[in-house]
Amino acid sequence: MSLNELYREVILDHYRAPRHHNHLDSPDGSAQGNNPLCGDEVTIELNLNGDRVSDVAAIGVGCSISQASASMMSEAVFGKTREEIDELVRKFKVMMAIEESAEEVVDPDRPGSALGDLEALQGVRKFPVRIKCADLPWITLEQALESAE
């Protein structure tokens, strides 16, 4: 199985069986994001214990890229502190070529080296119009974190 096929399988797995896909009873923070150009919608809810995410929900509808990104993001931030999440968001945006950095966050010779399953989304960079699909849950996460403060 090629790396591209593996990444495709990871994306499809998160799309078909999204993680953290149930609303929280009383979230400390939440935000809704949408991309009116393609119809992607995502709601991010989270609970905090101090500055650590103790629970997270990512609920939405849309393309496989946006929904898989939301699922992967929810797994990646669960249990992390705000500082760790800020660093994860930065690395994700560098990987997706949304932000520039001299640092290499993804080593193509070592899959899983920096971002785990999220690295499956790096192929989206080849399709600039789809980068917004992958980034929507991350923008919404940042808004949910702000609403919790």
N, C-alpha and C. Protein backbone atom coordinates (compact mmCIF):
# COMPACT_ATOMS: atom_id res chain seq x y z
N MET A 1 0.86 -1.18 0.00
CA MET A 1 0.00 0.00 0.00
C MET A 1 0.90 1.24 0.00
N SER A 2 0.61 2.17 -0.91
CA SER A 2 1.41 3.38 -0.98
C SER A 2 1.02 4.34 0.14
N LEU A 3 1.88 5.32 0.38
CA LEU A 3 1.61 6.32 1.41
C LEU A 3 0.33 7.10 1.08
N ASN A 4 0.13 7.44 -0.19
CA ASN A 4 -1.10 8.14 -0.58
C ASN A 4 -2.34 7.31 -0.30
N GLU A 5 -2.27 6.01 -0.57
CA GLU A 5 -3.41 5.13 -0.29
C GLU A 5 -3.67 5.05 1.22
N LEU A 6 -2.59 4.96 1.99
CA LEU A 6 -2.72 4.93 3.45
C LEU A 6 -3.38 6.21 3.95
N TYR A 7 -2.91 7.35 3.46
CA TYR A 7 -3.50 8.62 3.87
C TYR A 7 -4.97 8.70 3.46
N ARG A 8 -5.30 8.22 2.28
CA ARG A 8 -6.69 8.22 1.81
C ARG A 8 -7.55 7.38 2.75
N GLU A 9 -7.04 6.23 3.18
CA GLU A 9 -7.76 5.36 4.10
C GLU A 9 -7.97 6.02 5.46
N VAL A 10 -6.96 6.73 5.95
CA VAL A 10 -7.09 7.44 7.23
C VAL A 10 -8.19 8.49 7.13
N ILE A 11 -8.20 9.26 6.05
CA ILE A 11 -9.23 10.30 5.85
C ILE A 11 -10.60 9.65 5.79
N LEU A 12 -10.75 8.59 5.01
CA LEU A 12 -12.05 7.93 4.90
C LEU A 12 -12.51 7.33 6.22
N ASP A 13 -11.58 6.78 6.99
CA ASP A 13 -11.93 6.22 8.29
C ASP A 13 -12.50 7.31 9.21
N HIS A 14 -11.84 8.46 9.27
CA HIS A 14 -12.33 9.56 10.12
C HIS A 14 -13.65 10.13 9.59
N TYR A 15 -13.83 10.12 8.28
CA TYR A 15 -15.08 10.62 7.69
C TYR A 15 -16.24 9.66 7.99
N ARG A 16 -15.99 8.37 7.84
CA ARG A 16 -17.05 7.37 8.05
C ARG A 16 -17.36 7.12 9.51
N ALA A 17 -16.36 7.25 10.36
CA ALA A 17 -16.53 7.00 11.80
C ALA A 17 -15.90 8.15 12.58
N PRO A 18 -16.53 9.33 12.52
CA PRO A 18 -15.92 10.49 13.18
C PRO A 18 -15.83 10.32 14.68
N ARG A 19 -14.73 10.81 15.23
CA ARG A 19 -14.50 10.75 16.66
C ARG A 19 -15.08 12.00 17.33
N HIS A 20 -15.50 11.86 18.58
CA HIS A 20 -16.01 12.99 19.38
C HIS A 20 -17.15 13.70 18.63
N HIS A 21 -18.09 12.91 18.11
CA HIS A 21 -19.15 13.44 17.25
C HIS A 21 -20.49 13.59 17.98
N ASN A 22 -20.45 13.79 19.30
CA ASN A 22 -21.67 13.99 20.08
C ASN A 22 -21.60 15.34 20.79
N HIS A 23 -22.73 16.03 20.84
CA HIS A 23 -22.77 17.31 21.55
C HIS A 23 -22.44 17.11 23.03
N LEU A 24 -21.81 18.10 23.63
CA LEU A 24 -21.53 18.10 25.07
C LEU A 24 -22.73 18.69 25.79
N ASP A 25 -22.98 18.24 27.01
CA ASP A 25 -24.14 18.72 27.77
C ASP A 25 -24.04 20.20 28.10
N SER A 26 -22.94 20.65 28.64
CA SER A 26 -22.75 22.06 29.00
C SER A 26 -21.33 22.48 28.65
N PRO A 27 -21.09 22.78 27.39
CA PRO A 27 -19.72 23.14 27.00
C PRO A 27 -19.29 24.47 27.60
N ASP A 28 -18.01 24.55 27.94
CA ASP A 28 -17.42 25.80 28.41
C ASP A 28 -17.22 26.78 27.26
N GLY A 29 -17.03 26.25 26.08
CA GLY A 29 -16.84 27.07 24.90
C GLY A 29 -17.37 26.35 23.68
N SER A 30 -17.87 27.13 22.73
CA SER A 30 -18.35 26.53 21.49
C SER A 30 -18.31 27.57 20.39
N ALA A 31 -18.27 27.08 19.18
CA ALA A 31 -18.29 27.96 18.01
C ALA A 31 -18.81 27.16 16.83
N GLN A 32 -19.42 27.89 15.91
CA GLN A 32 -19.90 27.28 14.68
C GLN A 32 -19.17 27.91 13.52
N GLY A 33 -18.75 27.07 12.61
CA GLY A 33 -18.07 27.55 11.41
C GLY A 33 -18.74 27.00 10.18
N ASN A 34 -18.71 27.77 9.12
CA ASN A 34 -19.25 27.26 7.86
C ASN A 34 -18.50 27.87 6.69
N ASN A 35 -18.51 27.16 5.62
CA ASN A 35 -17.95 27.64 4.37
C ASN A 35 -19.10 27.70 3.37
N PRO A 36 -19.67 28.88 3.17
CA PRO A 36 -20.85 28.99 2.31
C PRO A 36 -20.59 28.63 0.85
N LEU A 37 -19.32 28.64 0.44
CA LEU A 37 -19.00 28.31 -0.94
C LEU A 37 -19.20 26.83 -1.24
N CYS A 38 -18.98 25.98 -0.23
CA CYS A 38 -19.11 24.54 -0.50
C CYS A 38 -20.13 23.86 0.41
N GLY A 39 -20.62 24.54 1.43
CA GLY A 39 -21.63 23.97 2.32
C GLY A 39 -21.09 23.25 3.53
N ASP A 40 -19.77 23.25 3.74
CA ASP A 40 -19.22 22.62 4.93
C ASP A 40 -19.67 23.38 6.18
N GLU A 41 -20.05 22.62 7.21
CA GLU A 41 -20.44 23.20 8.49
C GLU A 41 -19.81 22.38 9.60
N VAL A 42 -19.37 23.06 10.65
CA VAL A 42 -18.81 22.36 11.79
C VAL A 42 -19.10 23.15 13.05
N THR A 43 -19.42 22.42 14.12
CA THR A 43 -19.57 23.01 15.45
C THR A 43 -18.54 22.34 16.34
N ILE A 44 -17.78 23.17 17.04
CA ILE A 44 -16.79 22.66 17.99
C ILE A 44 -17.24 23.09 19.38
N GLU A 45 -17.33 22.11 20.27
CA GLU A 45 -17.66 22.37 21.67
C GLU A 45 -16.54 21.78 22.52
N LEU A 46 -16.25 22.45 23.63
CA LEU A 46 -15.21 21.91 24.50
C LEU A 46 -15.44 22.27 25.94
N ASN A 47 -14.93 21.40 26.79
CA ASN A 47 -14.90 21.64 28.23
C ASN A 47 -13.45 21.72 28.64
N LEU A 48 -13.20 22.60 29.59
CA LEU A 48 -11.84 22.81 30.07
C LEU A 48 -11.75 22.46 31.55
N ASN A 49 -10.60 21.93 31.91
CA ASN A 49 -10.24 21.74 33.30
C ASN A 49 -8.98 22.57 33.47
N GLY A 50 -9.13 23.79 33.98
CA GLY A 50 -8.03 24.74 33.97
C GLY A 50 -7.80 25.18 32.53
N ASP A 51 -6.59 24.98 32.02
CA ASP A 51 -6.34 25.33 30.62
C ASP A 51 -6.24 24.08 29.74
N ARG A 52 -6.67 22.93 30.27
CA ARG A 52 -6.58 21.65 29.55
C ARG A 52 -7.97 21.25 29.04
N VAL A 53 -8.04 20.80 27.79
CA VAL A 53 -9.29 20.34 27.21
C VAL A 53 -9.64 18.99 27.82
N SER A 54 -10.73 18.96 28.58
CA SER A 54 -11.15 17.72 29.24
C SER A 54 -12.19 16.97 28.41
N ASP A 55 -12.84 17.65 27.48
CA ASP A 55 -13.77 16.99 26.57
C ASP A 55 -13.95 17.88 25.36
N VAL A 56 -14.21 17.27 24.23
CA VAL A 56 -14.35 18.01 22.98
C VAL A 56 -15.37 17.30 22.11
N ALA A 57 -16.10 18.09 21.34
CA ALA A 57 -17.04 17.56 20.37
C ALA A 57 -16.83 18.28 19.05
N ALA A 58 -16.90 17.53 17.97
CA ALA A 58 -16.79 18.10 16.63
C ALA A 58 -17.93 17.51 15.81
N ILE A 59 -18.95 18.33 15.57
CA ILE A 59 -20.15 17.87 14.89
C ILE A 59 -20.31 18.69 13.63
N GLY A 60 -20.63 18.04 12.53
CA GLY A 60 -20.81 18.81 11.32
C GLY A 60 -21.29 17.99 10.15
N VAL A 61 -21.42 18.69 9.05
CA VAL A 61 -21.77 18.08 7.77
C VAL A 61 -20.90 18.73 6.71
N GLY A 62 -20.63 17.97 5.68
CA GLY A 62 -19.84 18.52 4.59
C GLY A 62 -19.00 17.46 3.93
N CYS A 63 -18.00 17.92 3.23
CA CYS A 63 -17.15 17.01 2.47
C CYS A 63 -16.28 16.15 3.38
N SER A 64 -15.71 15.11 2.80
CA SER A 64 -14.88 14.20 3.58
C SER A 64 -13.67 14.90 4.18
N ILE A 65 -13.12 15.88 3.50
CA ILE A 65 -11.93 16.58 4.00
C ILE A 65 -12.28 17.36 5.27
N SER A 66 -13.35 18.16 5.23
CA SER A 66 -13.70 18.98 6.40
C SER A 66 -14.09 18.11 7.59
N GLN A 67 -14.84 17.06 7.35
CA GLN A 67 -15.31 16.24 8.45
C GLN A 67 -14.20 15.35 9.01
N ALA A 68 -13.31 14.86 8.15
CA ALA A 68 -12.17 14.09 8.64
C ALA A 68 -11.23 14.99 9.42
N SER A 69 -11.02 16.21 8.94
CA SER A 69 -10.16 17.15 9.65
C SER A 69 -10.73 17.45 11.03
N ALA A 70 -12.04 17.63 11.13
CA ALA A 70 -12.68 17.88 12.43
C ALA A 70 -12.49 16.70 13.37
N SER A 71 -12.65 15.49 12.86
CA SER A 71 -12.48 14.30 13.68
C SER A 71 -11.03 14.17 14.16
N MET A 72 -10.08 14.34 13.24
CA MET A 72 -8.66 14.24 13.61
C MET A 72 -8.27 15.33 14.59
N MET A 73 -8.78 16.53 14.36
CA MET A 73 -8.48 17.65 15.24
C MET A 73 -9.01 17.37 16.64
N SER A 74 -10.23 16.83 16.74
CA SER A 74 -10.81 16.56 18.06
C SER A 74 -9.97 15.54 18.83
N GLU A 75 -9.46 14.53 18.15
CA GLU A 75 -8.59 13.56 18.81
C GLU A 75 -7.27 14.20 19.23
N ALA A 76 -6.74 15.08 18.37
CA ALA A 76 -5.43 15.67 18.63
C ALA A 76 -5.45 16.64 19.81
N VAL A 77 -6.56 17.34 20.03
CA VAL A 77 -6.59 18.35 21.10
C VAL A 77 -7.09 17.81 22.43
N PHE A 78 -7.72 16.65 22.41
CA PHE A 78 -8.26 16.08 23.65
C PHE A 78 -7.13 15.88 24.66
N GLY A 79 -7.31 16.47 25.85
CA GLY A 79 -6.33 16.33 26.92
C GLY A 79 -5.16 17.30 26.85
N LYS A 80 -5.13 18.13 25.82
CA LYS A 80 -4.01 19.07 25.65
C LYS A 80 -4.30 20.41 26.34
N THR A 81 -3.22 21.12 26.69
CA THR A 81 -3.34 22.46 27.25
C THR A 81 -3.50 23.47 26.12
N ARG A 82 -3.89 24.68 26.49
CA ARG A 82 -4.04 25.74 25.49
C ARG A 82 -2.71 25.98 24.77
N GLU A 83 -1.62 25.97 25.50
CA GLU A 83 -0.30 26.18 24.89
C GLU A 83 0.02 25.06 23.90
N GLU A 84 -0.27 23.83 24.27
CA GLU A 84 -0.02 22.69 23.37
C GLU A 84 -0.91 22.77 22.13
N ILE A 85 -2.15 23.21 22.33
CA ILE A 85 -3.07 23.35 21.20
C ILE A 85 -2.60 24.46 20.26
N ASP A 86 -2.16 25.58 20.82
CA ASP A 86 -1.65 26.67 19.98
C ASP A 86 -0.50 26.19 19.10
N GLU A 87 0.39 25.38 19.66
CA GLU A 87 1.52 24.84 18.91
C GLU A 87 1.03 23.85 17.85
N LEU A 88 0.05 23.03 18.18
CA LEU A 88 -0.52 22.08 17.23
C LEU A 88 -1.19 22.82 16.07
N VAL A 89 -1.94 23.86 16.37
CA VAL A 89 -2.59 24.66 15.33
C VAL A 89 -1.53 25.26 14.41
N ARG A 90 -0.46 25.79 14.99
CA ARG A 90 0.60 26.39 14.19
C ARG A 90 1.22 25.34 13.26
N LYS A 91 1.54 24.17 13.80
CA LYS A 91 2.14 23.12 12.98
C LYS A 91 1.20 22.67 11.86
N PHE A 92 -0.10 22.57 12.17
CA PHE A 92 -1.07 22.18 11.16
C PHE A 92 -1.10 23.22 10.04
N LYS A 93 -1.13 24.49 10.41
CA LYS A 93 -1.20 25.55 9.40
C LYS A 93 0.08 25.62 8.56
N VAL A 94 1.22 25.32 9.16
CA VAL A 94 2.47 25.26 8.39
C VAL A 94 2.41 24.08 7.42
N MET A 95 1.96 22.92 7.90
CA MET A 95 1.86 21.74 7.04
C MET A 95 0.94 22.01 5.86
N MET A 96 -0.14 22.74 6.10
CA MET A 96 -1.11 23.01 5.04
C MET A 96 -0.72 24.21 4.19
N ALA A 97 0.43 24.80 4.47
CA ALA A 97 0.93 25.97 3.73
C ALA A 97 0.02 27.19 3.92
N ILE A 98 -0.66 27.26 5.06
CA ILE A 98 -1.47 28.42 5.41
C ILE A 98 -0.58 29.47 6.06
N GLU A 99 0.41 28.98 6.81
CA GLU A 99 1.41 29.85 7.42
C GLU A 99 2.78 29.39 6.97
N GLU A 100 3.71 30.33 6.95
CA GLU A 100 5.08 29.99 6.56
C GLU A 100 5.94 29.78 7.79
N SER A 101 6.95 28.91 7.62
CA SER A 101 7.89 28.66 8.70
C SER A 101 9.15 28.05 8.09
N ALA A 102 10.27 28.35 8.68
CA ALA A 102 11.53 27.73 8.26
C ALA A 102 11.61 26.30 8.77
N GLU A 103 10.78 25.99 9.76
CA GLU A 103 10.76 24.67 10.38
C GLU A 103 10.03 23.67 9.48
N GLU A 104 10.55 22.47 9.39
CA GLU A 104 9.88 21.38 8.68
C GLU A 104 9.03 20.63 9.70
N VAL A 105 7.70 20.70 9.58
CA VAL A 105 6.85 20.02 10.55
C VAL A 105 6.51 18.60 10.15
N VAL A 106 6.62 18.30 8.88
CA VAL A 106 6.32 16.96 8.41
C VAL A 106 7.53 16.46 7.65
N ASP A 107 8.05 15.33 8.09
CA ASP A 107 9.17 14.68 7.42
C ASP A 107 8.58 13.60 6.51
N PRO A 108 8.62 13.80 5.18
CA PRO A 108 8.00 12.83 4.27
C PRO A 108 8.62 11.44 4.37
N ASP A 109 9.83 11.33 4.90
CA ASP A 109 10.47 10.03 5.04
C ASP A 109 10.08 9.33 6.34
N ARG A 110 9.38 10.06 7.23
CA ARG A 110 8.95 9.49 8.51
C ARG A 110 7.49 9.82 8.76
N PRO A 111 6.56 9.12 8.09
CA PRO A 111 5.13 9.39 8.33
C PRO A 111 4.81 9.26 9.82
N GLY A 112 3.96 10.14 10.29
CA GLY A 112 3.57 10.11 11.69
C GLY A 112 4.57 10.80 12.59
N SER A 113 5.55 11.48 12.02
CA SER A 113 6.64 12.04 12.81
C SER A 113 6.23 13.24 13.65
N ALA A 114 5.25 14.03 13.23
CA ALA A 114 4.94 15.24 13.97
C ALA A 114 3.46 15.38 14.33
N LEU A 115 2.59 15.05 13.41
CA LEU A 115 1.17 15.35 13.60
C LEU A 115 0.26 14.13 13.59
N GLY A 116 0.81 12.94 13.57
CA GLY A 116 -0.02 11.74 13.60
C GLY A 116 -0.96 11.67 12.41
N ASP A 117 -2.20 11.26 12.66
CA ASP A 117 -3.19 11.11 11.58
C ASP A 117 -3.38 12.39 10.77
N LEU A 118 -3.15 13.54 11.39
CA LEU A 118 -3.34 14.81 10.69
C LEU A 118 -2.47 14.91 9.44
N GLU A 119 -1.35 14.19 9.43
CA GLU A 119 -0.47 14.24 8.26
C GLU A 119 -1.17 13.71 7.01
N ALA A 120 -2.22 12.92 7.18
CA ALA A 120 -2.97 12.42 6.03
C ALA A 120 -3.57 13.56 5.21
N LEU A 121 -3.74 14.71 5.83
CA LEU A 121 -4.34 15.85 5.14
C LEU A 121 -3.34 16.66 4.32
N GLN A 122 -2.05 16.35 4.42
CA GLN A 122 -1.06 17.16 3.72
C GLN A 122 -1.24 17.11 2.20
N GLY A 123 -1.80 16.03 1.66
CA GLY A 123 -2.04 15.94 0.23
C GLY A 123 -3.05 16.97 -0.27
N VAL A 124 -3.85 17.52 0.63
CA VAL A 124 -4.85 18.53 0.26
C VAL A 124 -4.16 19.79 -0.30
N ARG A 125 -2.92 20.01 0.10
CA ARG A 125 -2.19 21.19 -0.39
C ARG A 125 -2.13 21.25 -1.91
N LYS A 126 -2.23 20.09 -2.56
CA LYS A 126 -2.19 20.04 -4.03
C LYS A 126 -3.44 20.66 -4.64
N PHE A 127 -4.47 20.85 -3.83
CA PHE A 127 -5.75 21.38 -4.28
C PHE A 127 -6.11 22.60 -3.44
N PRO A 128 -5.54 23.76 -3.78
CA PRO A 128 -5.69 24.95 -2.92
C PRO A 128 -7.12 25.27 -2.51
N VAL A 129 -8.08 25.02 -3.36
CA VAL A 129 -9.47 25.33 -3.00
C VAL A 129 -9.96 24.45 -1.85
N ARG A 130 -9.35 23.29 -1.65
CA ARG A 130 -9.76 22.36 -0.59
C ARG A 130 -9.08 22.63 0.74
N ILE A 131 -8.05 23.47 0.74
CA ILE A 131 -7.35 23.80 2.00
C ILE A 131 -8.34 24.41 2.99
N LYS A 132 -9.27 25.22 2.50
CA LYS A 132 -10.26 25.84 3.38
C LYS A 132 -11.15 24.79 4.04
N CYS A 133 -11.38 23.68 3.34
CA CYS A 133 -12.17 22.59 3.93
C CYS A 133 -11.44 22.00 5.14
N ALA A 134 -10.15 21.77 4.98
CA ALA A 134 -9.35 21.18 6.06
C ALA A 134 -9.16 22.16 7.20
N ASP A 135 -9.09 23.45 6.90
CA ASP A 135 -8.81 24.46 7.92
C ASP A 135 -10.05 24.89 8.72
N LEU A 136 -11.24 24.70 8.17
CA LEU A 136 -12.47 25.16 8.84
C LEU A 136 -12.58 24.68 10.29
N PRO A 137 -12.36 23.40 10.60
CA PRO A 137 -12.46 22.97 12.01
C PRO A 137 -11.44 23.65 12.91
N TRP A 138 -10.27 23.97 12.39
CA TRP A 138 -9.20 24.59 13.17
C TRP A 138 -9.53 26.04 13.48
N ILE A 139 -10.08 26.75 12.52
CA ILE A 139 -10.52 28.13 12.75
C ILE A 139 -11.63 28.12 13.80
N THR A 140 -12.55 27.17 13.67
CA THR A 140 -13.67 27.06 14.60
C THR A 140 -13.19 26.68 16.00
N LEU A 141 -12.18 25.81 16.08
CA LEU A 141 -11.58 25.46 17.38
C LEU A 141 -11.03 26.70 18.06
N GLU A 142 -10.30 27.53 17.33
CA GLU A 142 -9.74 28.75 17.92
C GLU A 142 -10.84 29.66 18.45
N GLN A 143 -11.95 29.74 17.72
CA GLN A 143 -13.09 30.56 18.17
C GLN A 143 -13.72 29.96 19.43
N ALA A 144 -13.84 28.63 19.47
CA ALA A 144 -14.42 27.96 20.65
C ALA A 144 -13.53 28.18 21.87
N LEU A 145 -12.22 28.12 21.69
CA LEU A 145 -11.30 28.37 22.80
C LEU A 145 -11.44 29.82 23.30
N GLU A 146 -11.57 30.76 22.39
CA GLU A 146 -11.76 32.16 22.78
C GLU A 146 -13.06 32.33 23.54
N SER A 147 -14.12 31.63 23.13
CA SER A 147 -15.42 31.78 23.80
C SER A 147 -15.40 31.20 25.20
N ALA A 148 -14.44 30.28 25.46
CA ALA A 148 -14.34 29.66 26.77
C ALA A 148 -13.55 30.52 27.75
N GLU A 149 -12.85 31.52 27.26
CA GLU A 149 -11.98 32.33 28.13
C GLU A 149 -12.77 33.41 28.85
